[in-house]
Protein backbone atom coordinates (compact mmCIF):
# COMPACT_ATOMS: atom_id res chain seq x y z
CA ALA A 1 196.42 45.68 93.19
CA THR A 2 195.79 46.73 96.74
CA GLU A 3 194.51 50.13 95.68
CA GLY A 4 192.20 48.51 93.08
CA SER A 5 190.70 46.19 95.66
CA GLU A 6 190.10 49.08 98.05
CA ARG A 7 188.43 51.05 95.29
CA GLY A 8 186.23 48.05 94.51
CA ARG A 9 185.21 47.71 98.13
CA GLY A 10 184.43 51.47 98.30
CA ARG A 11 182.24 51.28 95.20
CA GLU A 12 180.41 48.21 96.59
CA GLY A 13 179.82 50.07 99.93
CA GLU A 14 178.45 53.10 98.09
CA ARG A 15 176.22 50.85 96.04
CA GLU A 16 174.88 49.14 99.15
CA ARG A 17 174.21 52.46 100.85
CA GLY A 18 172.39 53.68 97.74
CA ASN A 19 170.25 50.54 97.67
CA GLU A 20 169.42 50.96 101.37
CA SER A 21 168.45 54.62 100.92
CA GLY A 22 166.40 53.73 97.88
CA SER A 23 164.54 50.96 99.69
CA LYS A 24 163.96 53.29 102.65
CA ARG A 25 162.48 55.96 100.36
CA GLY A 26 160.34 53.34 98.66
CA THR A 27 159.06 52.13 101.99
CA GLU A 28 158.28 55.66 103.04
CA ARG A 29 156.37 56.31 99.80
CA GLU A 30 154.41 53.07 100.24
CA THR A 31 153.57 54.04 103.82
CA ASP A 32 152.44 57.54 102.75
CA GLU A 33 150.34 56.13 99.97
CA MET A 34 148.67 53.58 102.33
CA LEU A 35 148.08 56.40 104.83
CA ASP A 36 146.53 58.66 102.21
CA ASN A 37 144.27 55.88 100.85
CA HIS A 38 142.91 54.76 104.27
CA SER A 39 142.50 58.28 105.64
CA THR A 40 140.89 59.57 102.47
CA THR A 41 138.36 56.67 102.48
CA ALA A 42 137.52 57.31 106.11
CA LEU A 43 137.12 61.07 105.60
CA VAL A 44 134.95 60.69 102.48
CA THR A 45 132.73 58.14 104.21
CA GLY A 46 132.48 60.36 107.29
CA GLY A 47 131.58 63.35 105.11
CA VAL A 48 128.75 61.44 103.43
CA LEU A 49 127.46 60.38 106.87
CA THR A 50 127.68 63.93 108.12
CA LEU A 51 125.69 65.28 105.17
CA MET A 52 123.00 62.61 105.55
CA SER A 53 122.63 63.16 109.29
CA ALA A 54 122.47 66.94 108.93
CA VAL A 55 119.77 66.68 106.29
CA TYR A 56 117.76 64.16 108.30
CA LEU A 57 117.94 66.18 111.51
CA SER A 58 117.15 69.49 109.74
CA VAL A 59 114.08 67.97 108.12
CA ALA A 60 112.98 66.42 111.44
CA VAL A 61 113.30 69.74 113.28
CA GLY A 62 111.46 71.67 110.60
CA THR A 63 108.48 69.29 110.20
CA GLY A 64 105.65 68.47 112.58
CA HIS A 65 105.29 64.69 112.33
CA TRP A 66 106.97 63.68 115.53
CA PHE A 67 103.78 62.08 116.89
CA GLU A 68 100.54 61.37 114.98
CA TYR A 69 97.32 60.76 116.84
CA GLY A 70 94.88 58.23 115.56
CA ARG A 71 91.10 58.17 115.76
CA ALA A 72 89.98 57.75 119.35
CA ARG A 73 88.55 54.31 120.08
CA GLY A 74 84.98 54.45 121.18
CA GLY A 75 83.32 56.84 118.72
CA HIS A 76 83.74 59.20 115.80
CA GLY A 77 84.62 62.84 116.32
CA PRO A 78 84.94 64.87 119.50
CA PRO A 79 82.72 64.31 122.52
CA ARG A 80 79.72 66.50 123.16
CA ASP A 81 80.21 66.73 126.90
CA ASN A 82 81.31 70.26 127.85
CA ALA A 83 83.72 68.93 130.45
CA THR A 84 85.75 67.07 127.83
CA LEU A 85 84.93 69.24 124.73
CA PRO A 86 88.10 70.37 122.92
CA PRO A 87 88.66 74.05 122.24
CA SER A 88 87.36 75.76 119.15
CA PRO A 89 89.63 75.87 116.07
CA ASP A 90 90.10 79.65 116.49
CA ASP A 91 91.31 79.18 120.11
CA PHE A 92 93.55 76.31 119.01
CA GLU A 93 95.10 78.21 116.06
CA SER A 94 95.62 81.42 118.02
CA GLY A 95 97.20 79.66 120.99
CA LEU A 96 94.54 80.64 123.49
CA ALA A 97 93.91 77.05 124.42
CA ASP A 98 95.96 75.66 127.26
CA GLU A 99 98.00 72.45 127.13
CA LEU A 100 95.03 70.30 128.20
CA GLY A 101 92.78 71.78 125.55
CA GLN A 102 95.40 71.37 122.85
CA THR A 103 95.91 67.72 123.76
CA ARG A 104 92.13 67.14 123.66
CA ALA A 105 91.94 68.70 120.28
CA LEU A 106 94.84 66.63 118.94
CA ALA A 107 93.29 63.45 120.25
CA ALA A 108 89.79 64.31 118.94
CA PHE A 109 90.70 65.52 115.43
CA GLU A 110 93.54 63.07 114.58
CA GLY A 111 96.19 65.73 115.02
CA ARG A 112 99.95 65.60 114.73
CA LEU A 113 102.56 66.97 117.04
CA GLY A 114 105.98 68.47 116.32
CA LEU A 115 108.70 70.44 118.06
CA TRP A 116 107.39 73.73 116.69
CA GLU A 117 103.78 73.16 115.75
CA ARG A 118 100.56 71.25 116.43
CA CYS A 119 98.09 70.48 113.65
CA ILE A 120 94.55 69.11 113.69
CA CYS A 121 92.32 67.84 110.87
CA LEU A 122 88.94 69.61 110.86
CA PRO A 123 85.77 68.99 108.84
CA GLN A 124 85.51 71.61 106.14
CA ASN A 125 81.74 71.93 105.49
CA SER A 126 80.31 71.10 108.92
CA HIS A 127 80.50 72.27 112.50
CA TRP A 128 83.74 71.37 114.23
CA PHE A 129 81.90 70.03 117.29
CA LYS A 130 79.47 67.91 115.20
CA PRO A 131 81.37 66.60 112.20
CA GLN A 132 79.71 64.62 109.40
CA PRO A 133 81.04 61.10 108.74
CA HIS A 134 82.12 61.72 105.13
CA ALA A 135 82.93 65.44 105.19
CA GLU A 136 86.06 66.78 103.59
CA HIS A 137 88.77 67.88 106.03
CA ARG A 138 91.24 70.73 106.22
CA THR A 139 94.40 71.06 108.35
CA THR A 140 94.73 73.79 110.97
CA CYS A 141 98.10 74.35 112.61
CA ALA A 142 99.27 76.33 115.65
CA ARG A 143 102.95 77.25 115.90
CA SER A 144 104.73 77.46 119.19
CA THR A 145 106.58 80.62 120.13
CA LEU A 146 109.78 80.88 122.18
CA ASP A 147 107.62 81.79 125.23
CA ASP A 148 105.62 78.61 124.72
CA GLN A 149 108.77 76.54 124.46
CA PHE A 150 110.18 77.87 127.73
CA ALA A 151 106.83 78.11 129.61
CA TRP A 152 106.46 76.34 132.96
CA LYS A 153 104.64 73.03 133.08
CA TYR A 154 102.29 72.10 135.92
CA VAL A 155 101.53 68.86 137.74
CA GLU A 156 97.85 69.23 136.89
CA ILE A 157 97.72 69.76 133.14
CA GLY A 158 96.05 73.08 132.38
CA ASN A 159 95.76 74.15 136.03
CA HIS A 160 98.19 77.06 136.65
CA ASN A 161 97.31 77.04 140.37
CA SER A 162 98.93 73.64 140.85
CA HIS A 163 102.60 72.96 141.56
CA VAL A 164 105.23 73.45 138.89
CA ASP A 165 106.38 70.22 137.29
CA LEU A 166 110.14 70.71 137.01
CA LEU A 167 110.72 67.44 135.21
CA ARG A 168 108.35 68.16 132.32
CA THR A 169 109.52 71.80 132.23
CA TYR A 170 113.14 70.90 131.60
CA LEU A 171 112.19 68.01 129.30
CA SER A 172 110.21 70.42 127.11
CA ARG A 173 113.05 72.92 127.06
CA SER A 174 115.61 70.28 126.34
CA GLN A 175 113.71 68.73 123.40
CA PHE A 176 113.73 72.24 121.81
CA ILE A 177 117.37 73.21 122.58
CA LEU A 178 119.20 69.90 121.99
CA PRO A 179 118.51 69.45 118.23
CA LEU A 180 119.67 73.01 117.58
CA LEU A 181 122.78 72.34 119.69
CA SER A 182 123.42 69.19 117.72
CA LEU A 183 123.30 71.04 114.38
CA ALA A 184 125.57 73.75 115.78
CA LEU A 185 128.13 71.17 116.94
CA MET A 186 128.09 69.53 113.51
CA LEU A 187 128.59 72.88 111.78
CA LEU A 188 131.49 73.69 114.14
CA GLY A 189 133.06 70.27 113.44
CA VAL A 190 132.74 70.85 109.64
CA GLY A 191 134.46 74.22 110.11
CA ILE A 192 137.36 72.55 111.97
CA GLY A 193 137.61 69.94 109.20
CA LEU A 194 137.83 72.68 106.50
CA CYS A 195 140.58 74.43 108.51
CA SER A 196 142.49 71.16 108.79
CA CYS A 197 142.28 70.62 105.01
CA SER A 198 143.59 74.11 104.36
CA CYS A 199 146.46 73.49 106.76
CA ARG A 200 147.13 70.05 105.12
CA SER A 201 147.01 68.30 108.47
CA LEU A 202 144.75 65.59 109.81
CA ARG A 203 145.37 66.29 113.48
CA PRO A 204 142.35 68.61 113.96
CA ILE A 205 140.16 65.85 112.55
CA VAL A 206 140.11 64.25 116.06
CA ALA A 207 138.38 67.37 117.40
CA MET A 208 135.97 67.22 114.45
CA GLY A 209 135.11 63.64 115.39
CA ALA A 210 134.58 64.64 119.04
CA PHE A 211 132.12 67.35 118.07
CA HIS A 212 130.17 64.81 115.93
CA LEU A 213 130.00 62.40 118.82
CA LEU A 214 128.66 65.12 121.07
CA ALA A 215 126.11 66.04 118.39
CA GLY A 216 124.98 62.40 118.24
CA PHE A 217 124.53 62.25 122.00
CA SER A 218 122.59 65.56 121.92
CA THR A 219 120.22 64.21 119.24
CA LEU A 220 119.75 61.02 121.24
CA ALA A 221 118.95 63.05 124.37
CA CYS A 222 116.40 65.08 122.36
CA VAL A 223 114.62 61.98 121.14
CA LEU A 224 114.46 60.55 124.65
CA CYS A 225 113.28 63.82 126.18
CA PHE A 226 110.44 64.06 123.62
CA ALA A 227 109.37 60.49 124.21
CA VAL A 228 109.43 60.72 128.00
CA ASN A 229 107.67 64.11 128.04
CA LEU A 230 104.95 62.82 125.74
CA GLU A 231 104.39 59.68 127.83
CA ILE A 232 104.05 61.71 131.03
CA LEU A 233 101.59 64.08 129.32
CA HIS A 234 99.46 61.26 128.04
CA SER A 235 99.41 59.47 131.36
CA ARG A 236 98.04 62.61 133.05
CA VAL A 237 95.61 63.65 130.31
CA SER A 238 94.09 60.24 129.59
CA PRO A 239 91.82 60.12 132.69
CA SER A 240 90.05 63.32 131.53
CA LEU A 241 89.38 62.02 128.00
CA PRO A 242 86.28 60.08 127.05
CA ALA A 243 88.32 57.43 125.07
CA PRO A 244 91.81 56.08 125.33
CA LEU A 245 94.52 57.88 123.35
CA SER A 246 95.82 56.19 120.24
CA GLY A 247 98.63 57.15 117.94
CA ALA A 248 102.20 56.43 116.92
CA TYR A 249 105.50 58.22 116.44
CA GLY A 250 105.76 59.83 113.03
CA TRP A 251 108.41 59.92 110.33
CA SER A 252 109.98 63.15 111.70
CA PHE A 253 110.72 61.28 114.93
CA GLY A 254 112.15 58.44 112.84
CA LEU A 255 114.45 60.78 110.91
CA ALA A 256 115.79 62.24 114.16
CA THR A 257 116.39 58.75 115.53
CA VAL A 258 118.16 57.62 112.33
CA SER A 259 120.49 60.62 112.42
CA VAL A 260 121.88 59.50 115.79
CA PRO A 261 123.90 56.45 114.55
CA LEU A 262 124.97 58.42 111.46
CA GLN A 263 126.48 61.15 113.64
CA VAL A 264 128.16 58.58 115.90
CA MET A 265 129.64 56.65 112.95
CA ALA A 266 130.89 59.84 111.30
CA GLY A 267 132.56 60.94 114.52
CA THR A 268 134.16 57.54 114.99
CA LEU A 269 135.60 57.60 111.46
CA TYR A 270 137.03 61.08 111.95
CA ILE A 271 138.71 60.08 115.22
CA TRP A 272 140.04 56.90 113.64
CA ALA A 273 141.51 58.81 110.72
CA GLY A 274 143.19 61.35 112.98
CA GLN A 275 144.64 58.73 115.28
CA ARG A 276 145.83 56.64 112.32
CA GLN A 277 147.59 59.64 110.84
CA ARG A 278 149.35 60.29 114.10
CA MET A 279 150.46 56.69 114.61
CA GLU A 280 151.70 56.37 111.03
CA TYR A 281 153.59 59.65 111.34
CA LEU A 282 155.34 58.48 114.48
CA ARG A 283 156.16 55.15 112.87
CA VAL A 284 157.70 56.84 109.83
CA GLN A 285 159.74 59.14 112.04
CA ALA A 286 161.01 56.20 114.07
CA TYR A 287 161.92 54.37 110.85
CA ARG A 288 163.86 57.39 109.56
CA LEU A 289 165.83 57.69 112.79
CA SER A 290 166.73 54.00 112.63
């Protein structure tokens, strides 16, 4: 009888230990499933945001609608005074016109300004300096070279004998470099994400999120540099123009601005997914040890 009772107690103990181990394995599976679901949702959402921001920023960099000039208030067409007459279309298109002449042409012919090019709208069947009111128009564009992007800016616009304006010089260079840097950081972050997927680990995702945050800050700095540089240019050119400047920021500028929060949100989701994976892993390990 004594041996039977001991055997019964042993079977009950084994049964309890089996139930405990089964419940522990079930809890671990539930934890892993919750981890996979939350992390996968964050990664998929971050991937969609990354793709959208990359497309928006690429289109913004490749198009020339960052600022669009309107018709100058106070008259139609360019002025006839030689002191304020814009350069000829040939000089504008070939890049022979200086910065002051280009700005005058943009203001007179309802031009548009981008990071790489400047375009003006010219009358097609009349003289450029004496346009007809209802003449058809054609678009003439001038692309900026690397030398133009890194050229020195001067305090007096168009006067190379004046002092160098370091603020506008570095603003112009930054608005050209920063969007390319942002795209490079996003590409590097995506490469790290692909490596983490091949290694079946979410730990490198934190670095991927950090690169996306840096890309967002670079894009924001590019937008601010462009806006500040343009405001300084307009404030110095306006006194030499016959009419006040008018215009508005274009859709390319809007796409670059919209890509900033998309990059920041994508980076935040990647960092959250990586940190969540680490915390859940530590919690599971602590549960197993207990």
